[in-house]
């Protein structure tokens, strides 16, 4: 009886492909660990985490992250979430800067760049990373200050760069005197049984951004950046004039959580939880949309599907029809840089699909519904 009731509820629950949130199961699993961890951190570090602290974040956490990335801890700046550290770094760039991003990227980064008055240009992608010829073409058109890329399980496409592509991007950036900034927040979220090779910045001018939002929880709000030594002073000055210190109790908890070994155990739990959901999405996409140019994902939170037939006025009608059928989607146009958006006009609807918070049955039903609704529009 219980199984029948659960199946009925699953069939009648809306499939929400909209937000990249962790699964409820992951938050329930980590809730007691967080409660215990904060208590341990406060008892361990005492008033050090209750008083004003250093602009760059909690020193023990910075030391742990420094060892992980094989850099001096002075090159680490920890803040209140990944987006905050990206924004603080952006704030340190010259006025009227031009930034190259991937063809489709994290939409909040585009909004932040716009907020600072920067111009963004999107570079074309391949299933293996950046289209290197297009990157060079863009770099020849105008002075560029920064390349921002998400090399592991990219948001929103799910693409993972090859090591060779990462190194080639860094080499091109060096040649054109452009800062290469990697957002590696999904690096540890690989579910296919393999591991991603970290990007080595120990002897590099590249910048790394990362976050514990998806690996621990969004509410803990902790992210960090790894800077080249020559940039530390300038970025620290920007931070000092923006905020005094980040959330030190959270950073102390994360430091204790990592040192205890429970963080690695929780990552293993997440990989086991999310693999069947990733597999369900890959299988459904291959079954219902074999003709699309979407990649087979190996981790992360997202996949991007291009529905070539849904153009113009059909877009709104399609989204509403899909919603009426119990599946929530939206256009992913906010993820595209201005130059790419102009090229995409009239070429179909791009939809970002997020899967970790959905069960395999929901994912399959959601993708099947997209296919069914396409035939009716």
Protein backbone atom coordinates (compact mmCIF):
# COMPACT_ATOMS: atom_id res chain seq x y z
CA UNK A 1 0.00 0.00 0.00
CA UNK A 2 2.82 2.39 0.93
CA UNK A 3 4.60 1.72 -2.37
CA UNK A 4 1.39 2.37 -4.31
CA UNK A 5 0.79 5.66 -2.48
CA UNK A 6 4.37 6.77 -3.12
CA UNK A 7 4.13 5.92 -6.81
CA UNK A 8 0.89 7.91 -7.04
CA UNK A 9 2.53 10.92 -5.39
CA UNK A 10 5.53 10.70 -7.71
CA UNK A 11 3.30 10.62 -10.77
CA UNK A 12 1.44 13.72 -9.62
CA UNK A 13 4.38 15.80 -8.40
CA UNK A 14 5.50 18.62 -10.69
CA UNK A 15 8.90 18.07 -12.27
CA UNK A 16 10.88 21.23 -11.54
CA UNK A 17 13.85 21.58 -13.90
CA UNK A 18 14.32 25.25 -12.96
CA UNK A 19 16.60 25.59 -9.94
CA UNK A 20 19.97 24.00 -9.28
CA UNK A 21 19.33 23.09 -5.66
CA UNK A 22 20.71 20.12 -3.73
CA UNK A 23 18.42 17.17 -3.05
CA UNK A 24 16.40 17.20 0.16
CA UNK A 25 18.05 13.88 0.99
CA UNK A 26 21.48 15.54 0.99
CA UNK A 27 20.35 18.30 3.35
CA UNK A 28 18.73 15.81 5.73
CA UNK A 29 21.90 13.73 5.70
CA UNK A 30 24.14 16.66 6.51
CA UNK A 31 21.86 18.45 8.98
CA UNK A 32 23.11 16.59 12.09
CA UNK A 33 26.70 16.89 10.88
CA UNK A 34 26.32 20.67 10.54
CA UNK A 35 24.68 20.96 13.97
CA UNK A 36 27.52 18.98 15.52
CA UNK A 37 30.13 20.75 13.43
CA UNK A 38 29.15 24.28 14.44
CA UNK A 39 29.19 23.26 18.10
CA UNK A 40 32.64 21.70 17.68
CA UNK A 41 33.94 24.78 15.88
CA UNK A 42 32.72 27.21 18.53
CA UNK A 43 34.14 25.05 21.32
CA UNK A 44 37.42 24.55 19.44
CA UNK A 45 38.07 28.13 18.32
CA UNK A 46 36.11 30.05 20.97
CA UNK A 47 35.90 33.82 20.70
CA UNK A 48 38.29 33.88 17.72
CA UNK A 49 35.28 33.23 15.48
CA UNK A 50 32.98 35.64 17.32
CA UNK A 51 35.25 38.68 17.07
CA UNK A 52 36.18 40.74 14.00
CA UNK A 53 38.57 38.75 11.84
CA UNK A 54 40.86 39.06 8.86
CA UNK A 55 39.56 40.44 5.55
CA UNK A 56 40.76 37.31 3.80
CA UNK A 57 38.80 34.87 5.94
CA UNK A 58 39.43 32.34 8.71
CA UNK A 59 43.12 31.45 8.76
CA UNK A 60 42.80 27.71 9.59
CA UNK A 61 40.42 27.24 6.64
CA UNK A 62 42.73 29.21 4.35
CA UNK A 63 45.62 26.99 5.43
CA UNK A 64 43.62 23.84 4.66
CA UNK A 65 42.65 25.19 1.23
CA UNK A 66 46.23 26.29 0.59
CA UNK A 67 47.43 22.72 1.14
CA UNK A 68 44.67 21.37 -1.10
CA UNK A 69 45.71 23.67 -3.97
CA UNK A 70 49.45 23.51 -3.13
CA UNK A 71 49.76 27.27 -2.64
CA UNK A 72 50.63 29.59 0.23
CA UNK A 73 47.56 30.32 2.37
CA UNK A 74 48.11 34.06 1.79
CA UNK A 75 46.93 33.44 -1.78
CA UNK A 76 43.56 32.20 -0.49
CA UNK A 77 40.66 34.56 0.19
CA UNK A 78 37.56 32.97 1.74
CA UNK A 79 34.21 34.76 1.63
CA UNK A 80 30.46 34.42 1.91
CA UNK A 81 29.76 32.19 -1.07
CA UNK A 82 31.19 31.71 -4.54
CA UNK A 83 29.31 34.58 -6.09
CA UNK A 84 30.58 37.01 -3.46
CA UNK A 85 34.25 36.20 -4.11
CA UNK A 86 33.69 36.45 -7.87
CA UNK A 87 31.99 39.82 -7.38
CA UNK A 88 34.82 41.08 -5.15
CA UNK A 89 37.35 40.03 -7.77
CA UNK A 90 35.34 41.70 -10.53
CA UNK A 91 35.27 44.85 -8.44
CA UNK A 92 39.08 44.95 -8.57
CA UNK A 93 39.15 45.08 -12.39
CA UNK A 94 39.59 48.34 -14.33
CA UNK A 95 36.53 50.32 -15.37
CA UNK A 96 34.97 49.48 -18.76
CA UNK A 97 36.70 46.08 -18.88
CA UNK A 98 35.81 43.43 -21.44
CA UNK A 99 35.38 39.87 -20.20
CA UNK A 100 35.18 36.70 -22.27
CA UNK A 101 32.83 34.01 -20.96
CA UNK A 102 31.65 30.72 -22.37
CA UNK A 103 28.88 30.79 -24.98
CA UNK A 104 26.43 30.00 -22.16
CA UNK A 105 27.56 30.55 -18.58
CA UNK A 106 26.46 31.13 -15.00
CA UNK A 107 23.87 33.86 -15.45
CA UNK A 108 24.68 35.59 -12.14
CA UNK A 109 28.22 36.24 -13.38
CA UNK A 110 26.80 38.01 -16.44
CA UNK A 111 24.56 40.11 -14.18
CA UNK A 112 27.50 40.99 -11.95
CA UNK A 113 29.65 42.01 -14.90
CA UNK A 114 26.79 44.18 -16.17
CA UNK A 115 26.46 45.74 -12.71
CA UNK A 116 30.10 46.86 -12.86
CA UNK A 117 29.69 48.22 -16.37
CA UNK A 118 31.79 45.54 -18.04
CA UNK A 119 31.23 44.20 -21.54
CA UNK A 120 30.93 40.42 -21.97
CA UNK A 121 31.63 38.39 -25.07
CA UNK A 122 30.76 34.71 -25.39
CA UNK A 123 33.18 32.20 -26.89
CA UNK A 124 31.91 29.16 -28.78
CA UNK A 125 32.23 25.77 -27.10
CA UNK A 126 32.86 22.18 -28.17
CA UNK A 127 32.01 19.00 -26.21
CA UNK A 128 35.61 19.11 -24.94
CA UNK A 129 35.84 22.75 -23.82
CA UNK A 130 36.50 26.11 -25.43
CA UNK A 131 36.68 26.49 -29.20
CA UNK A 132 40.30 27.69 -29.26
CA UNK A 133 40.09 29.30 -32.70
CA UNK A 134 37.08 31.34 -31.63
CA UNK A 135 38.86 32.38 -28.42
CA UNK A 136 41.80 33.72 -30.40
CA UNK A 137 39.45 35.46 -32.82
CA UNK A 138 37.72 37.28 -29.96
CA UNK A 139 41.01 38.26 -28.35
CA UNK A 140 42.07 39.90 -31.60
CA UNK A 141 38.91 42.05 -31.84
CA UNK A 142 39.50 44.26 -28.79
CA UNK A 143 41.49 44.46 -25.52
CA UNK A 144 40.23 41.85 -23.04
CA UNK A 145 41.01 41.81 -19.30
CA UNK A 146 39.66 38.40 -18.26
CA UNK A 147 38.51 34.99 -19.41
CA UNK A 148 36.01 33.31 -17.04
CA UNK A 149 35.32 29.60 -17.49
CA UNK A 150 33.70 26.70 -15.62
CA UNK A 151 35.85 23.71 -16.61
CA UNK A 152 34.13 20.92 -14.67
CA UNK A 153 30.48 19.99 -15.41
CA UNK A 154 29.85 23.46 -16.75
CA UNK A 155 26.77 25.47 -15.84
CA UNK A 156 24.52 25.25 -17.86
CA UNK A 157 25.82 22.86 -20.54
CA UNK A 158 27.34 20.07 -18.42
CA UNK A 159 30.54 20.16 -20.52
CA UNK A 160 33.80 19.10 -18.83
CA UNK A 161 36.96 20.45 -20.43
CA UNK A 162 39.80 18.09 -21.26
CA UNK A 163 43.11 18.78 -19.52
CA UNK A 164 44.60 19.64 -22.90
CA UNK A 165 41.88 22.22 -23.54
CA UNK A 166 42.40 23.84 -20.12
CA UNK A 167 46.12 24.14 -20.72
CA UNK A 168 45.58 25.53 -24.22
CA UNK A 169 43.17 28.17 -22.89
CA UNK A 170 45.70 29.20 -20.25
CA UNK A 171 48.46 29.42 -22.85
CA UNK A 172 46.35 31.60 -25.16
CA UNK A 173 45.44 33.88 -22.23
CA UNK A 174 49.13 34.24 -21.33
CA UNK A 175 49.97 35.15 -24.89
CA UNK A 176 47.37 37.92 -24.96
CA UNK A 177 48.09 39.08 -21.39
CA UNK A 178 44.58 38.10 -20.25
CA UNK A 179 43.73 36.85 -16.76
CA UNK A 180 42.46 33.26 -16.87
CA UNK A 181 39.88 32.65 -14.13
CA UNK A 182 38.51 29.17 -13.51
CA UNK A 183 35.35 28.54 -11.49
CA UNK A 184 35.89 24.99 -10.17
CA UNK A 185 32.87 24.76 -7.86
CA UNK A 186 31.72 21.45 -9.45
CA UNK A 187 35.14 19.79 -9.53
CA UNK A 188 34.38 17.29 -6.75
CA UNK A 189 30.85 16.58 -7.98
CA UNK A 190 31.59 13.85 -10.50
CA UNK A 191 29.36 10.77 -10.38
CA UNK A 192 30.55 8.37 -13.08
CA UNK A 193 33.19 6.67 -10.92
CA UNK A 194 36.04 8.83 -12.19
CA UNK A 195 37.67 11.88 -10.62
CA UNK A 196 38.50 15.24 -12.16
CA UNK A 197 42.15 16.24 -12.31
CA UNK A 198 42.53 19.55 -10.42
CA UNK A 199 43.80 22.62 -12.24
CA UNK A 200 47.30 23.33 -10.95
CA UNK A 201 47.79 26.98 -9.97
CA UNK A 202 50.82 26.45 -7.72
CA UNK A 203 53.09 28.14 -10.27
CA UNK A 204 50.52 29.95 -12.38
CA UNK A 205 48.94 33.35 -12.94
CA UNK A 206 45.49 31.79 -13.23
CA UNK A 207 42.73 32.54 -10.71
CA UNK A 208 40.50 29.89 -9.13
CA UNK A 209 37.01 30.43 -7.71
CA UNK A 210 35.18 27.75 -5.76
CA UNK A 211 32.32 27.22 -3.33
CA UNK A 212 30.91 24.80 -0.77
CA UNK A 213 27.35 25.68 -1.81
CA UNK A 214 26.67 22.47 -3.72
CA UNK A 215 29.00 20.17 -1.74
CA UNK A 216 27.77 21.15 1.77
CA UNK A 217 24.67 23.35 1.52
CA UNK A 218 23.58 26.68 0.02
CA UNK A 219 22.70 28.10 3.43
CA UNK A 220 26.23 27.84 4.81
CA UNK A 221 27.38 30.40 2.20
CA UNK A 222 31.11 29.90 1.91
CA UNK A 223 33.26 30.33 -1.18
CA UNK A 224 36.89 31.18 -1.85
CA UNK A 225 39.36 32.27 -4.48
CA UNK A 226 42.99 31.40 -5.14
CA UNK A 227 44.92 34.40 -6.45
CA UNK A 228 48.32 34.84 -8.03
CA UNK A 229 50.63 36.41 -5.46
CA UNK A 230 50.84 39.66 -7.44
CA UNK A 231 47.05 40.19 -7.19
CA UNK A 232 46.60 39.52 -3.46
CA UNK A 233 47.29 43.07 -2.25
CA UNK A 234 44.98 44.77 -4.73
CA UNK A 235 42.05 42.39 -4.19
CA UNK A 236 42.50 42.48 -0.40
CA UNK A 237 42.29 46.28 -0.48
CA UNK A 238 39.02 46.06 -2.42
CA UNK A 239 37.65 43.59 0.14
CA UNK A 240 38.76 45.79 3.07
CA UNK A 241 36.77 48.67 1.58
CA UNK A 242 33.72 46.47 0.95
CA UNK A 243 33.28 44.33 4.07
CA UNK A 244 35.24 43.73 7.29
CA UNK A 245 35.19 39.96 7.58
CA UNK A 246 33.14 37.02 6.33
CA UNK A 247 31.07 34.58 8.38
CA UNK A 248 33.79 33.17 10.62
CA UNK A 249 31.71 30.53 12.50
CA UNK A 250 30.75 28.96 9.16
CA UNK A 251 34.36 28.95 7.97
CA UNK A 252 35.49 27.43 11.27
CA UNK A 253 32.85 24.70 10.92
CA UNK A 254 34.02 23.91 7.38
CA UNK A 255 37.66 23.79 8.49
CA UNK A 256 36.75 21.33 11.25
CA UNK A 257 34.47 19.37 8.91
CA UNK A 258 37.26 18.88 6.36
CA UNK A 259 39.89 17.99 8.97
CA UNK A 260 37.57 15.41 10.56
CA UNK A 261 37.33 13.44 7.31
CA UNK A 262 33.53 13.76 7.33
CA UNK A 263 33.58 16.12 4.34
CA UNK A 264 35.11 13.45 2.10
CA UNK A 265 32.62 10.91 3.44
CA UNK A 266 29.76 13.26 2.60
CA UNK A 267 31.09 13.77 -0.94
CA UNK A 268 31.02 9.99 -1.38
CA UNK A 269 27.39 10.01 -0.19
CA UNK A 270 26.50 12.72 -2.72
CA UNK A 271 28.14 10.83 -5.56
CA UNK A 272 26.07 7.75 -4.71
CA UNK A 273 22.89 9.79 -4.37
CA UNK A 274 23.26 11.72 -7.62
CA UNK A 275 24.60 9.03 -9.94
CA UNK A 276 21.21 7.31 -10.60
CA UNK A 277 19.67 10.72 -11.29
CA UNK A 278 22.44 11.67 -13.70
CA UNK A 279 22.11 8.28 -15.41
CA UNK A 280 18.35 8.77 -15.71
CA UNK A 281 18.84 12.13 -17.41
CA UNK A 282 21.48 10.82 -19.81
CA UNK A 283 19.30 7.81 -20.71
CA UNK A 284 16.16 9.90 -21.21
CA UNK A 285 17.98 12.49 -23.31
CA UNK A 286 19.46 9.78 -25.50
CA UNK A 287 16.06 8.12 -25.91
CA UNK A 288 13.90 11.18 -26.54
CA UNK A 289 16.36 13.72 -28.00
CA UNK A 290 19.15 11.77 -29.72
CA UNK A 291 19.37 14.43 -32.41
CA UNK A 292 20.25 17.35 -30.10
CA UNK A 293 23.76 18.68 -29.52
CA UNK A 294 23.61 18.18 -25.75
CA UNK A 295 26.58 16.44 -24.10
CA UNK A 296 26.46 13.28 -22.02
CA UNK A 297 27.00 14.63 -18.53
CA UNK A 298 29.35 13.04 -15.98
CA UNK A 299 28.53 15.13 -12.92
CA UNK A 300 27.54 18.58 -11.69
CA UNK A 301 23.97 19.84 -11.60
CA UNK A 302 22.98 20.80 -15.15
CA UNK A 303 22.46 19.87 -18.78
CA UNK A 304 21.43 22.14 -21.66
CA UNK A 305 19.04 21.11 -24.39
CA UNK A 306 18.52 23.01 -27.65
CA UNK A 307 15.01 22.63 -29.05
CA UNK A 308 15.55 23.85 -32.61
CA UNK A 309 11.88 23.56 -33.59
CA UNK A 310 10.60 25.87 -30.83
CA UNK A 311 11.12 29.35 -32.27
CA UNK A 312 9.57 32.79 -31.98
CA UNK A 313 6.04 32.88 -30.56
CA UNK A 314 6.16 29.13 -30.05
CA UNK A 315 8.53 29.55 -27.09
CA UNK A 316 6.02 31.03 -24.66
CA UNK A 317 3.29 28.64 -25.81
CA UNK A 318 5.61 25.65 -25.39
CA UNK A 319 6.74 26.66 -21.89
CA UNK A 320 3.13 27.18 -20.77
CA UNK A 321 2.01 23.89 -22.32
CA UNK A 322 4.83 22.01 -20.61
CA UNK A 323 3.97 23.66 -17.28
CA UNK A 324 0.32 22.65 -17.66
CA UNK A 325 1.55 19.09 -18.13
CA UNK A 326 3.40 19.25 -14.82
CA UNK A 327 6.93 20.17 -15.90
CA UNK A 328 8.53 23.52 -15.04
CA UNK A 329 11.11 24.92 -17.45
CA UNK A 330 12.23 28.30 -18.70
CA UNK A 331 14.29 29.81 -21.47
CA UNK A 332 18.03 29.79 -20.72
CA UNK A 333 18.65 33.00 -22.67
CA UNK A 334 19.85 34.80 -19.51
CA UNK A 335 22.90 32.51 -19.56
CA UNK A 336 24.11 33.79 -22.96
CA UNK A 337 26.47 36.70 -23.52
CA UNK A 338 25.13 39.52 -25.70
CA UNK A 339 26.98 38.57 -28.88
CA UNK A 340 25.87 34.94 -28.64
CA UNK A 341 22.30 35.88 -27.80
CA UNK A 342 22.09 37.93 -30.99
CA UNK A 343 23.38 34.97 -33.04
CA UNK A 344 20.84 32.62 -31.43
CA UNK A 345 17.76 34.68 -32.24
CA UNK A 346 15.29 32.58 -34.20
CA UNK A 347 17.36 29.40 -33.83
CA UNK A 348 15.25 27.67 -31.22
CA UNK A 349 14.71 27.44 -27.48
CA UNK A 350 17.55 26.65 -25.08
CA UNK A 351 16.44 25.01 -21.82
CA UNK A 352 18.64 24.28 -18.80
CA UNK A 353 17.72 21.06 -17.03
CA UNK A 354 18.77 20.51 -13.41
CA UNK A 355 18.55 17.00 -11.98
CA UNK A 356 19.99 16.43 -8.43
CA UNK A 357 16.78 17.42 -6.59
CA UNK A 358 14.65 15.10 -8.77
CA UNK A 359 14.24 11.35 -8.53
CA UNK A 360 14.98 9.20 -11.61
CA UNK A 361 11.28 8.57 -12.30
CA UNK A 362 10.60 12.32 -12.32
CA UNK A 363 13.53 13.03 -14.61
CA UNK A 364 12.43 10.47 -17.17
CA UNK A 365 8.83 11.70 -17.04
CA UNK A 366 9.97 15.32 -17.39
CA UNK A 367 12.11 14.66 -20.48
CA UNK A 368 9.38 12.49 -22.03
CA UNK A 369 6.89 15.32 -21.49
CA UNK A 370 9.17 17.80 -23.28
CA UNK A 371 9.25 15.49 -26.30
CA UNK A 372 5.51 14.92 -26.23
CA UNK A 373 4.72 18.64 -25.99
CA UNK A 374 7.04 19.42 -28.90
CA UNK A 375 4.86 17.33 -31.14
CA UNK A 376 1.77 19.30 -30.11
CA UNK A 377 3.10 22.86 -30.51
